[in-house]
Amino acid sequence: MNTNGIFWENEEKKLDERVHEATWPGGQKAVDRLAKQGKRPARDLIQELIDPETCFFELSRIAGFGVHYPGGIDDVPCAGVITGIGKINGNWTMIIANDSRVKAGTYFPITLKKHIRAQAIAEQCGLNCVYIADSGGAFLPMQADVFPDDGHFGSMFYNMARMSAKGLKQITMSTGGNTAGGAYIVFMACQSVMIDRMSYSFLGGPPLVKMATGEEISAEDLGGARVHTHISGGADHFCADQSEAVLRVREILALEPPQEIHSHRYAEAPPVVSPETIYDLMPAATHQGIDGRKVLEAICDDSYFIEYKQHYAPGRGDNLLTGKIRIKGIPVGVIASNAVGIIFAEAARKASEWIVRCSQEKIPLLFLQNAPGYMVGSESEHQGIGKYGSDMVRAVSCAQVPRIQLVIGPDNGAANYGMCGRAYRPHFLFSTMRARTGVMSGRSAAGVLLSIEEKNREAKGKPMSDAEKQAFREKMIEKYDGEAHPFYCGSRLLTDRVLKFSEIRDWLAMAFEVSLLRPIGEPSFGNFRF
């Protein structure tokens, strides 16, 4: 392994540390507290829920760090909710589980964003949902940020209703308390499972009932598992413990129709080039050019890339590579950054044409993003970079096929748009520790903002000293590069997972398979300026 590889292995160790911090909130003491209540950590339940010897693809593990909420809450580890995709009885299923070790499963703004993102993936891909519910409800000090708006607390239940109407099963396994608005996670499910003397669900808990009506009643008698499965009918299955509840959920989903992907699939073949070579291929300097072809060879079946317009406009058209690969047998169209990745007019034209072709052929698209932006300057403007860049954005916006973005370097400016960034609603968006997502690099931002600051100071008759210029420049670089870092973006759910280089192939294979469970519609594009 060369120096690049050693550098990225060390960077991924930092990711491991952040993930451990997120997935073990409270350490062993928190696990012991659960055990005293007859409970196990939610991830243990998930492993029991999914098919044996299969993988749980957990999403957004580092969400919630550095959010700085009222009351001195700087971090909400893993956003307080576990989301991911696993197989239950052979079918891909979205699993959303409250982690009661994190503020009793309370919903902060970041918790809602993560929960609702998981539902959006499920609806877009046609997945049944299983909810493992144990939540203290909304974080009341931030009620204005979690309760009344679209995308707030009520949206979770709106999404459940809409998905159920589309035939996507919504199954809730309650493993704790679900109060007030949170009670609807039980009552709105297609089928709900509750556990004796562990699950509770009520619109108002005993303290509120006493205050409102004067009635004194225990949680068990007010809304325990026996009440809702034997008396109110608000839940459907009564279980003695968590293990029985897990088996009941699997039983509920046992006769679901087997899923099949809407694409032809070839026999899987591993890459000829080891996926581990990506570590050596990626320069430690994030704005240094890459060899996109070699990166693809380390990801795709047989290391075989069928390139489209390979020889078009050398030095300008080949900063974006277009063509086809297979990932675990699934044919995929590729738009991949190459060299320094700057997108010239020729590259934008080629990419737009290829996106349309793949849409016509109903082939899903992978955007391998390492582009610092579209080319600027009078020459590029006169050649129509704005026009052709806009065509690329139009094509990305309207492509009806599954689209997945993987960020492996700079992800700046309008290149974020043309390469299917978050605003373009890719089915999945992944990044790596080399990703840098921001309006521009810290160095560029520092230069632009420094020139503005200098002019303002001169106009006030207080020109900046060299020391002040250097301090200002360093401050801006730290701010912009810090906000572009994968930890910052991952903590705010701007990506669905920060992947290790060694994970890329398995995660892309899962994502494309899941994205192809829905039939692909017919292509339809707006006006182009070709």
Protein backbone atom coordinates (compact mmCIF):
# COMPACT_ATOMS: atom_id res chain seq x y z
CA MET A 1 0.00 0.00 0.00
CA ASN A 2 1.39 3.41 -0.99
CA THR A 3 1.29 6.65 1.01
CA ASN A 4 -2.17 7.51 -0.39
CA GLY A 5 -3.54 4.20 0.84
CA ILE A 6 -2.07 4.64 4.32
CA PHE A 7 -3.52 8.15 4.49
CA TRP A 8 -7.04 7.00 3.63
CA GLU A 9 -6.90 4.03 5.97
CA ASN A 10 -6.11 6.46 8.78
CA GLU A 11 -8.96 8.74 7.72
CA GLU A 12 -11.35 5.80 7.80
CA LYS A 13 -10.20 4.97 11.32
CA LYS A 14 -11.53 8.40 12.29
CA LEU A 15 -14.83 7.38 10.69
CA ASP A 16 -14.82 4.16 12.76
CA GLU A 17 -14.35 6.21 15.92
CA ARG A 18 -17.26 8.49 15.07
CA VAL A 19 -19.47 5.51 14.23
CA HIS A 20 -18.60 3.77 17.50
CA GLU A 21 -19.50 6.91 19.41
CA ALA A 22 -22.81 7.08 17.53
CA THR A 23 -23.82 3.45 17.89
CA TRP A 24 -22.84 2.97 21.56
CA PRO A 25 -24.41 5.96 23.32
CA GLY A 26 -24.01 5.63 27.06
CA GLY A 27 -21.74 2.59 26.68
CA GLN A 28 -22.31 -0.62 28.59
CA LYS A 29 -24.17 1.17 31.40
CA ALA A 30 -26.96 2.09 28.97
CA VAL A 31 -27.17 -1.50 27.78
CA ASP A 32 -27.37 -2.72 31.38
CA ARG A 33 -30.21 -0.27 32.09
CA LEU A 34 -32.16 -1.70 29.16
CA ALA A 35 -31.54 -5.24 30.41
CA LYS A 36 -33.13 -4.38 33.75
CA GLN A 37 -36.29 -3.45 31.79
CA GLY A 38 -36.20 -6.73 29.86
CA LYS A 39 -35.03 -4.91 26.75
CA ARG A 40 -32.16 -5.28 24.32
CA PRO A 41 -30.54 -2.57 22.17
CA ALA A 42 -32.46 -1.86 18.99
CA ARG A 43 -29.63 -3.06 16.75
CA ASP A 44 -29.76 -6.46 18.45
CA LEU A 45 -33.47 -6.65 17.65
CA ILE A 46 -32.78 -5.67 14.04
CA GLN A 47 -30.23 -8.46 13.64
CA GLU A 48 -32.80 -10.92 14.96
CA LEU A 49 -35.45 -9.47 12.66
CA ILE A 50 -33.55 -9.76 9.37
CA ASP A 51 -32.82 -13.06 7.65
CA PRO A 52 -29.92 -15.07 9.11
CA GLU A 53 -26.51 -14.48 7.52
CA THR A 54 -27.70 -11.36 5.72
CA CYS A 55 -26.48 -7.80 6.12
CA PHE A 56 -28.26 -4.80 7.58
CA PHE A 57 -27.33 -1.78 5.48
CA GLU A 58 -27.50 0.96 8.09
CA LEU A 59 -27.98 4.51 6.83
CA SER A 60 -26.77 7.86 8.19
CA ARG A 61 -24.87 6.46 11.16
CA ILE A 62 -23.06 9.73 11.98
CA ALA A 63 -26.15 11.95 11.86
CA GLY A 64 -26.71 14.31 14.78
CA PHE A 65 -23.20 15.34 15.79
CA GLY A 66 -22.52 19.02 16.37
CA VAL A 67 -26.15 20.10 16.02
CA HIS A 68 -26.06 22.34 19.13
CA TYR A 69 -29.67 22.26 20.32
CA PRO A 70 -31.12 24.17 23.32
CA GLY A 71 -30.35 22.91 26.79
CA GLY A 72 -26.68 22.27 26.08
CA ILE A 73 -27.39 19.38 23.71
CA ASP A 74 -24.47 19.49 21.28
CA ASP A 75 -24.79 15.94 19.92
CA VAL A 76 -27.68 13.57 19.26
CA PRO A 77 -25.80 10.31 18.52
CA CYS A 78 -27.05 8.65 15.34
CA ALA A 79 -29.87 11.24 15.49
CA GLY A 80 -31.53 9.00 18.08
CA VAL A 81 -33.03 6.72 15.42
CA ILE A 82 -31.61 3.75 13.53
CA THR A 83 -32.59 3.42 9.87
CA GLY A 84 -31.51 0.97 7.24
CA ILE A 85 -32.41 -1.74 4.77
CA GLY A 86 -32.37 -5.47 5.40
CA LYS A 87 -34.00 -8.62 4.08
CA ILE A 88 -37.00 -10.11 5.88
CA ASN A 89 -38.17 -13.41 4.41
CA GLY A 90 -36.10 -12.65 1.33
CA ASN A 91 -37.60 -9.20 0.70
CA TRP A 92 -35.77 -5.89 1.11
CA THR A 93 -37.44 -3.94 3.92
CA MET A 94 -36.87 -0.49 5.44
CA ILE A 95 -36.38 -0.67 9.21
CA ILE A 96 -36.76 2.42 11.41
CA ALA A 97 -35.97 1.95 15.09
CA ASN A 98 -35.93 4.42 17.98
CA ASP A 99 -32.82 4.18 20.14
CA SER A 100 -34.16 4.83 23.63
CA ARG A 101 -30.58 5.20 24.92
CA VAL A 102 -30.49 8.60 23.21
CA LYS A 103 -32.67 11.04 25.18
CA ALA A 104 -35.36 8.35 25.61
CA GLY A 105 -35.91 8.20 21.85
CA THR A 106 -36.97 11.85 21.75
CA TYR A 107 -37.48 13.44 18.33
CA PHE A 108 -35.24 16.41 17.58
CA PRO A 109 -35.25 18.14 14.17
CA ILE A 110 -32.39 15.90 13.02
CA THR A 111 -34.30 12.80 14.23
CA LEU A 112 -37.29 13.78 12.13
CA LYS A 113 -35.13 14.48 9.10
CA LYS A 114 -33.54 11.03 9.33
CA HIS A 115 -36.84 9.22 9.95
CA ILE A 116 -38.53 10.99 7.04
CA ARG A 117 -35.56 10.42 4.71
CA ALA A 118 -35.84 6.67 5.39
CA GLN A 119 -39.55 6.78 4.57
CA ALA A 120 -38.79 8.68 1.36
CA ILE A 121 -36.37 5.97 0.26
CA ALA A 122 -38.94 3.29 1.12
CA GLU A 123 -41.68 5.01 -0.88
CA GLN A 124 -39.44 5.74 -3.87
CA CYS A 125 -38.13 2.17 -4.00
CA GLY A 126 -41.34 0.34 -3.00
CA LEU A 127 -40.23 -1.13 0.33
CA ASN A 128 -42.37 -2.31 3.23
CA CYS A 129 -41.52 -0.58 6.51
CA VAL A 130 -40.99 -1.98 10.00
CA TYR A 131 -40.96 0.50 12.89
CA ILE A 132 -39.40 -0.48 16.23
CA ALA A 133 -41.06 2.12 18.41
CA ASP A 134 -39.84 3.29 21.80
CA SER A 135 -39.98 7.06 21.91
CA GLY A 136 -40.52 9.91 24.31
CA GLY A 137 -42.13 11.89 21.47
CA ALA A 138 -41.20 15.38 20.32
CA PHE A 139 -38.47 17.39 22.04
CA LEU A 140 -40.78 19.94 23.62
CA PRO A 141 -38.28 22.83 24.02
CA MET A 142 -38.09 22.89 20.21
CA GLN A 143 -41.78 22.32 19.52
CA ALA A 144 -41.87 25.07 16.88
CA ASP A 145 -39.14 23.21 14.99
CA VAL A 146 -40.60 19.71 15.26
CA PHE A 147 -44.39 19.96 15.41
CA PRO A 148 -46.38 22.24 13.09
CA ASP A 149 -44.72 22.25 9.65
CA ASP A 150 -44.45 19.98 6.65
CA GLY A 151 -41.48 17.72 7.34
CA HIS A 152 -42.21 17.80 11.08
CA PHE A 153 -43.77 15.21 13.38
CA GLY A 154 -47.06 14.78 11.53
CA SER A 155 -45.27 14.00 8.28
CA MET A 156 -44.20 10.61 9.66
CA PHE A 157 -47.82 9.53 9.91
CA TYR A 158 -48.82 11.16 6.64
CA ASN A 159 -46.11 9.09 4.99
CA MET A 160 -47.33 5.92 6.69
CA ALA A 161 -50.85 6.52 5.41
CA ARG A 162 -49.70 7.28 1.86
CA MET A 163 -47.41 4.27 1.66
CA SER A 164 -50.10 1.98 3.05
CA ALA A 165 -52.47 3.26 0.38
CA LYS A 166 -49.87 2.21 -2.22
CA GLY A 167 -49.75 -1.30 -0.81
CA LEU A 168 -46.52 -0.88 1.14
CA LYS A 169 -46.99 -2.57 4.52
CA GLN A 170 -46.41 -0.44 7.63
CA ILE A 171 -45.68 -2.71 10.59
CA THR A 172 -44.98 -1.40 14.09
CA MET A 173 -43.36 -3.35 16.89
CA SER A 174 -43.71 -1.31 20.07
CA THR A 175 -40.95 -2.00 22.58
CA GLY A 176 -41.65 0.87 24.97
CA GLY A 177 -43.71 3.98 25.49
CA ASN A 178 -45.40 5.87 22.66
CA THR A 179 -47.19 8.93 23.94
CA ALA A 180 -49.22 11.78 22.42
CA GLY A 181 -48.40 12.16 18.71
CA GLY A 182 -46.01 9.22 19.02
CA ALA A 183 -48.96 6.94 19.74
CA TYR A 184 -49.90 7.13 16.07
CA ILE A 185 -46.85 5.07 15.15
CA VAL A 186 -48.82 2.19 16.73
CA PHE A 187 -52.35 3.10 15.73
CA MET A 188 -51.62 4.01 12.08
CA ALA A 189 -49.67 0.87 11.26
CA CYS A 190 -51.21 -1.78 9.04
CA GLN A 191 -50.52 -4.19 11.90
CA SER A 192 -49.07 -3.46 15.33
CA VAL A 193 -47.30 -5.72 17.79
CA MET A 194 -47.19 -4.86 21.50
CA ILE A 195 -45.38 -6.51 24.40
CA ASP A 196 -46.97 -7.27 27.75
CA ARG A 197 -45.97 -4.78 30.46
CA MET A 198 -43.38 -3.19 28.18
CA SER A 199 -45.36 -1.43 25.44
CA TYR A 200 -47.59 1.56 26.16
CA SER A 201 -49.47 3.78 23.78
CA PHE A 202 -51.80 6.64 24.68
CA LEU A 203 -52.68 10.10 23.47
CA GLY A 204 -52.15 11.45 26.99
CA GLY A 205 -50.14 9.72 29.70
CA PRO A 206 -51.27 9.24 33.31
CA PRO A 207 -50.00 12.68 34.51
CA LEU A 208 -51.87 14.49 31.74
CA VAL A 209 -55.01 12.40 32.30
CA LYS A 210 -54.99 13.29 35.99
CA MET A 211 -54.51 16.97 35.28
CA ALA A 212 -57.21 17.06 32.58
CA THR A 213 -59.86 14.78 34.11
CA GLY A 214 -58.84 14.01 37.68
CA GLU A 215 -58.67 10.30 36.87
CA GLU A 216 -55.81 8.38 38.46
CA ILE A 217 -54.69 5.39 36.39
CA SER A 218 -51.52 3.41 35.70
CA ALA A 219 -49.80 3.37 32.34
CA GLU A 220 -50.58 -0.33 32.00
CA ASP A 221 -54.31 0.14 32.61
CA LEU A 222 -54.48 3.27 30.47
CA GLY A 223 -52.77 2.03 27.32
CA GLY A 224 -50.74 -1.13 27.86
CA ALA A 225 -50.43 -4.02 25.44
CA ARG A 226 -53.38 -5.92 26.91
CA VAL A 227 -55.63 -2.84 26.68
CA HIS A 228 -54.95 -2.25 22.98
CA THR A 229 -54.92 -5.89 21.86
CA HIS A 230 -57.85 -7.09 23.99
CA ILE A 231 -60.07 -4.05 24.55
CA SER A 232 -59.53 -1.02 22.30
CA GLY A 233 -58.41 -2.93 19.21
CA GLY A 234 -55.76 -0.27 18.56
CA ALA A 235 -53.09 -2.97 18.21
CA ASP A 236 -53.22 -6.46 16.76
CA HIS A 237 -50.68 -8.82 18.33
CA PHE A 238 -49.97 -9.47 22.02
CA CYS A 239 -46.52 -10.86 22.85
CA ALA A 240 -44.77 -11.86 26.05
CA ASP A 241 -41.31 -10.50 25.24
CA GLN A 242 -39.17 -8.92 22.54
CA SER A 243 -38.09 -12.18 20.92
CA GLU A 244 -41.71 -13.28 20.47
CA ALA A 245 -42.50 -9.84 19.03
CA VAL A 246 -39.69 -10.13 16.48
CA LEU A 247 -40.96 -13.55 15.37
CA ARG A 248 -44.47 -12.14 15.03
CA VAL A 249 -43.26 -9.34 12.74
CA ARG A 250 -41.46 -11.87 10.55
CA GLU A 251 -44.64 -13.96 10.48
CA ILE A 252 -46.75 -10.95 9.42
CA LEU A 253 -44.44 -10.43 6.43
CA ALA A 254 -43.96 -14.13 5.64
CA LEU A 255 -46.40 -14.27 2.72
CA GLU A 256 -45.42 -11.03 0.99
CA PRO A 257 -44.87 -11.51 -2.78
CA PRO A 258 -41.22 -12.12 -3.62
CA GLN A 259 -39.52 -9.02 -4.98
CA GLU A 260 -37.93 -8.92 -8.41
CA ILE A 261 -35.89 -6.21 -10.06
CA HIS A 262 -37.09 -4.50 -13.21
CA SER A 263 -33.90 -5.00 -15.17
CA HIS A 264 -32.07 -7.82 -16.87
CA ARG A 265 -29.28 -9.18 -14.71
CA TYR A 266 -26.15 -10.99 -15.80
CA ALA A 267 -24.10 -13.47 -13.81
CA GLU A 268 -22.07 -11.70 -11.14
CA ALA A 269 -18.30 -11.51 -11.60
CA PRO A 270 -15.81 -9.90 -9.23
CA PRO A 271 -13.55 -7.11 -10.47
CA VAL A 272 -10.28 -8.29 -12.01
CA VAL A 273 -8.67 -5.38 -10.17
CA SER A 274 -8.97 -5.63 -6.38
CA PRO A 275 -11.38 -3.07 -4.84
CA GLU A 276 -8.61 -2.37 -2.30
CA THR A 277 -6.62 -0.60 -5.04
CA ILE A 278 -8.96 2.40 -4.67
CA TYR A 279 -7.02 3.34 -1.54
CA ASP A 280 -3.83 3.76 -3.56
CA LEU A 281 -5.62 5.46 -6.47
CA MET A 282 -7.11 8.30 -4.45
CA PRO A 283 -4.71 11.23 -3.92
CA ALA A 284 -4.58 12.52 -0.36
CA ALA A 285 -5.01 16.06 -1.72
CA THR A 286 -8.74 16.26 -2.38
CA HIS A 287 -8.44 18.64 -5.35
CA GLN A 288 -5.79 16.59 -7.14
CA GLY A 289 -6.93 14.78 -10.30
CA ILE A 290 -7.92 11.11 -10.37
CA ASP A 291 -7.93 8.38 -12.99
CA GLY A 292 -11.66 7.71 -13.26
CA ARG A 293 -11.19 4.64 -15.45
CA LYS A 294 -9.04 2.92 -12.85
CA VAL A 295 -11.56 3.74 -10.12
CA LEU A 296 -14.32 2.12 -12.18
CA GLU A 297 -12.15 -0.94 -12.83
CA ALA A 298 -11.93 -1.50 -9.07
CA ILE A 299 -15.72 -1.36 -8.67
CA CYS A 300 -17.34 -3.08 -11.64
CA ASP A 301 -17.76 -6.70 -12.72
CA ASP A 302 -14.75 -8.07 -14.61
CA SER A 303 -13.25 -4.54 -14.33
CA TYR A 304 -15.00 -4.02 -17.66
CA PHE A 305 -16.02 -0.48 -18.69
CA ILE A 306 -17.68 0.00 -22.08
CA GLU A 307 -16.86 3.64 -22.75
CA TYR A 308 -19.02 6.02 -24.77
CA LYS A 309 -17.32 8.75 -26.85
CA GLN A 310 -13.91 7.92 -25.41
CA HIS A 311 -12.01 10.05 -27.93
CA TYR A 312 -14.34 13.05 -28.06
CA ALA A 313 -12.66 16.44 -27.40
CA PRO A 314 -9.44 15.26 -25.66
CA GLY A 315 -8.56 17.32 -22.60
CA ARG A 316 -12.06 18.77 -22.36
CA GLY A 317 -14.66 16.12 -23.18
CA ASP A 318 -12.87 13.40 -21.24
CA ASN A 319 -13.02 15.19 -17.88
CA LEU A 320 -16.30 13.30 -17.62
CA LEU A 321 -16.36 9.61 -18.57
CA THR A 322 -19.55 8.07 -19.88
CA GLY A 323 -20.35 4.44 -20.55
CA LYS A 324 -21.71 1.21 -19.11
CA ILE A 325 -20.57 -1.16 -16.39
CA ARG A 326 -22.08 -4.05 -14.46
CA ILE A 327 -22.24 -4.12 -10.66
CA LYS A 328 -22.97 -7.64 -9.37
CA GLY A 329 -24.64 -8.41 -12.67
CA ILE A 330 -26.77 -5.25 -12.90
CA PRO A 331 -26.08 -3.06 -15.97
CA VAL A 332 -25.46 0.54 -14.99
CA GLY A 333 -24.87 3.72 -16.97
CA VAL A 334 -22.00 5.82 -15.63
CA ILE A 335 -21.13 9.51 -15.58
CA ALA A 336 -17.76 9.62 -13.82
CA SER A 337 -15.37 12.48 -13.10
CA ASN A 338 -11.89 12.08 -14.55
CA ALA A 339 -8.60 13.96 -14.23
CA VAL A 340 -9.16 17.23 -12.33
CA GLY A 341 -12.89 16.88 -13.01
CA ILE A 342 -13.64 20.44 -14.17
CA ILE A 343 -16.64 20.20 -16.49
CA PHE A 344 -16.12 21.86 -19.88
CA ALA A 345 -18.90 22.51 -22.38
CA GLU A 346 -17.94 19.42 -24.39
CA ALA A 347 -18.14 17.20 -21.31
CA ALA A 348 -21.52 18.66 -20.34
CA ARG A 349 -22.88 17.97 -23.84
CA LYS A 350 -21.60 14.40 -23.76
CA ALA A 351 -23.04 13.76 -20.30
CA SER A 352 -26.47 15.17 -21.20
CA GLU A 353 -26.61 13.01 -24.31
CA TRP A 354 -25.65 9.92 -22.31
CA ILE A 355 -28.22 10.56 -19.57
CA VAL A 356 -30.94 10.77 -22.23
CA ARG A 357 -29.72 7.57 -23.91
CA CYS A 358 -29.71 5.64 -20.62
CA SER A 359 -33.19 6.96 -19.86
CA GLN A 360 -34.41 5.69 -23.23
CA GLU A 361 -32.85 2.28 -22.52
CA LYS A 362 -34.19 2.29 -18.92
CA ILE A 363 -30.72 1.73 -17.46
CA PRO A 364 -30.02 3.14 -13.98
CA LEU A 365 -27.35 5.81 -13.58
CA LEU A 366 -24.31 6.14 -11.33
CA PHE A 367 -22.80 9.61 -10.88
CA LEU A 368 -19.21 9.29 -9.64
CA GLN A 369 -18.55 12.83 -8.48
CA ASN A 370 -15.11 14.43 -8.25
CA ALA A 371 -15.82 17.79 -9.93
CA PRO A 372 -14.91 21.19 -8.47
CA GLY A 373 -17.33 22.90 -10.85
CA TYR A 374 -18.06 23.94 -14.41
CA MET A 375 -15.34 25.81 -16.28
CA VAL A 376 -15.49 29.61 -15.98
CA GLY A 377 -14.08 32.45 -18.08
CA SER A 378 -14.93 34.25 -21.32
CA GLU A 379 -13.89 31.36 -23.55
CA SER A 380 -16.18 28.92 -21.73
CA GLU A 381 -19.07 31.41 -21.61
CA HIS A 382 -18.78 32.02 -25.33
CA GLN A 383 -18.74 28.27 -25.95
CA GLY A 384 -22.02 27.99 -24.04
CA ILE A 385 -20.99 26.46 -20.71
CA GLY A 386 -24.08 27.97 -19.07
CA LYS A 387 -26.34 26.61 -21.80
CA TYR A 388 -24.83 23.12 -21.87
CA GLY A 389 -24.45 22.96 -18.11
CA SER A 390 -28.16 23.76 -17.87
CA ASP A 391 -28.92 20.96 -20.32
CA MET A 392 -27.05 18.58 -18.05
CA VAL A 393 -29.09 19.77 -15.07
CA ARG A 394 -32.31 19.35 -17.11
CA ALA A 395 -31.33 15.81 -18.08
CA VAL A 396 -30.47 14.87 -14.48
CA SER A 397 -33.72 16.41 -13.19
CA CYS A 398 -35.97 14.58 -15.63
CA ALA A 399 -34.24 11.19 -15.94
CA GLN A 400 -36.86 8.68 -14.82
CA VAL A 401 -34.39 5.87 -14.12
CA PRO A 402 -32.88 5.14 -10.70
CA ARG A 403 -30.00 7.53 -9.99
CA ILE A 404 -27.28 7.14 -7.39
CA GLN A 405 -24.54 9.63 -6.55
CA LEU A 406 -21.21 8.67 -5.00
CA VAL A 407 -18.95 11.58 -4.04
CA ILE A 408 -15.24 10.71 -4.08
CA GLY A 409 -13.71 14.21 -4.11
CA PRO A 410 -14.65 17.85 -4.58
CA ASP A 411 -18.37 18.43 -5.03
CA ASN A 412 -18.64 22.14 -5.60
CA GLY A 413 -20.90 24.71 -7.19
CA ALA A 414 -23.16 23.80 -10.07
CA ALA A 415 -21.26 20.53 -10.57
CA ASN A 416 -23.16 19.34 -7.50
CA TYR A 417 -26.33 19.95 -9.51
CA GLY A 418 -25.27 18.43 -12.83
CA MET A 419 -23.86 15.36 -11.06
CA CYS A 420 -27.15 14.64 -9.23
CA GLY A 421 -26.62 16.16 -5.78
CA ARG A 422 -29.15 16.01 -2.97
CA ALA A 423 -31.51 18.60 -4.50
CA TYR A 424 -31.99 16.30 -7.51
CA ARG A 425 -33.43 13.54 -5.35
CA PRO A 426 -31.18 10.61 -6.19
CA HIS A 427 -32.46 7.30 -4.88
CA PHE A 428 -29.31 7.12 -2.76
CA LEU A 429 -26.46 9.54 -2.15
CA PHE A 430 -23.21 8.23 -0.72
CA SER A 431 -19.94 9.94 0.07
CA THR A 432 -16.45 8.88 1.12
CA MET A 433 -13.92 10.39 3.49
CA ARG A 434 -12.44 12.17 0.47
CA ALA A 435 -15.71 13.97 -0.33
CA ARG A 436 -15.88 17.76 0.03
CA THR A 437 -19.36 19.17 -0.60
CA GLY A 438 -19.71 22.95 -0.59
CA VAL A 439 -20.45 25.93 -2.80
CA MET A 440 -16.70 26.26 -3.39
CA SER A 441 -13.43 25.17 -1.83
CA GLY A 442 -12.17 26.94 1.28
CA ARG A 443 -9.28 28.41 -0.68
CA SER A 444 -11.57 29.84 -3.37
CA ALA A 445 -14.07 31.16 -0.84
CA ALA A 446 -11.28 32.79 1.16
CA GLY A 447 -10.00 34.57 -1.95
CA VAL A 448 -13.41 35.89 -2.96
CA LEU A 449 -14.42 37.01 0.52
CA LEU A 450 -11.03 38.55 1.25
CA SER A 451 -11.25 40.76 -1.83
CA ILE A 452 -14.70 41.97 -0.69
CA GLU A 453 -13.46 42.58 2.86
CA GLU A 454 -10.44 44.49 1.58
CA LYS A 455 -12.64 46.81 -0.49
CA ASN A 456 -14.99 47.41 2.44
CA ARG A 457 -12.12 48.21 4.79
CA GLU A 458 -10.49 50.54 2.27
CA ALA A 459 -13.79 52.39 1.77
CA LYS A 460 -13.89 52.98 5.53
CA GLY A 461 -10.29 54.23 5.52
CA LYS A 462 -9.07 51.21 7.51
CA PRO A 463 -7.03 49.06 5.09
CA MET A 464 -6.14 45.54 6.24
CA SER A 465 -2.63 44.70 7.32
CA ASP A 466 -0.90 41.61 5.93
CA ALA A 467 -1.42 39.86 9.27
CA GLU A 468 -5.15 40.67 9.22
CA LYS A 469 -5.43 39.40 5.65
CA GLN A 470 -3.75 36.14 6.57
CA ALA A 471 -5.93 35.68 9.66
CA PHE A 472 -9.09 36.39 7.64
CA ARG A 473 -8.00 33.98 4.91
CA GLU A 474 -7.29 31.18 7.39
CA LYS A 475 -10.61 31.73 9.15
CA MET A 476 -12.56 31.43 5.89
CA ILE A 477 -10.62 28.35 4.77
CA GLU A 478 -11.34 26.67 8.11
CA LYS A 479 -15.06 27.56 7.91
CA TYR A 480 -15.68 26.49 4.31
CA ASP A 481 -13.51 23.38 4.36
CA GLY A 482 -15.00 22.39 7.72
CA GLU A 483 -18.56 22.66 6.41
CA ALA A 484 -17.63 20.64 3.30
CA HIS A 485 -16.14 17.75 5.31
CA PRO A 486 -17.99 14.40 5.25
CA PHE A 487 -18.43 14.50 9.04
CA TYR A 488 -20.24 17.85 8.82
CA CYS A 489 -22.36 16.76 5.84
CA GLY A 490 -23.07 13.34 7.31
CA SER A 491 -24.12 14.78 10.65
CA ARG A 492 -26.71 16.92 8.84
CA LEU A 493 -28.00 14.13 6.58
CA LEU A 494 -26.65 15.60 3.35
CA THR A 495 -25.55 12.07 2.51
CA ASP A 496 -27.13 8.68 3.18
CA ARG A 497 -23.88 7.10 4.34
CA VAL A 498 -20.18 7.86 4.45
CA LEU A 499 -18.67 4.75 2.87
CA LYS A 500 -15.25 3.27 3.23
CA PHE A 501 -13.60 2.66 -0.14
CA SER A 502 -13.76 -1.07 0.57
CA GLU A 503 -17.57 -0.87 1.00
CA ILE A 504 -18.37 0.89 -2.28
CA ARG A 505 -19.11 -2.15 -4.46
CA ASP A 506 -21.41 -3.91 -1.95
CA TRP A 507 -23.34 -0.73 -1.17
CA LEU A 508 -23.79 0.23 -4.82
CA ALA A 509 -25.02 -3.29 -5.61
CA MET A 510 -27.60 -3.11 -2.81
CA ALA A 511 -28.67 0.40 -3.79
CA PHE A 512 -29.20 -0.42 -7.45
CA GLU A 513 -31.05 -3.64 -6.66
CA VAL A 514 -33.38 -1.86 -4.23
CA SER A 515 -33.86 1.08 -6.61
CA LEU A 516 -34.94 -1.28 -9.40
CA LEU A 517 -37.78 -2.89 -7.43
CA ARG A 518 -40.16 -0.31 -8.91
CA PRO A 519 -41.02 -0.42 -12.63
CA ILE A 520 -39.22 2.26 -14.65
CA GLY A 521 -41.52 4.71 -16.42
CA GLU A 522 -41.17 6.20 -19.87
CA PRO A 523 -38.64 9.00 -20.50
CA SER A 524 -39.89 12.58 -20.64
CA PHE A 525 -37.65 15.62 -20.91
CA GLY A 526 -38.23 19.35 -21.06
CA ASN A 527 -36.69 21.83 -23.49
CA PHE A 528 -33.00 21.48 -24.25
CA ARG A 529 -30.69 24.09 -25.77
CA PHE A 530 -28.55 21.70 -27.84
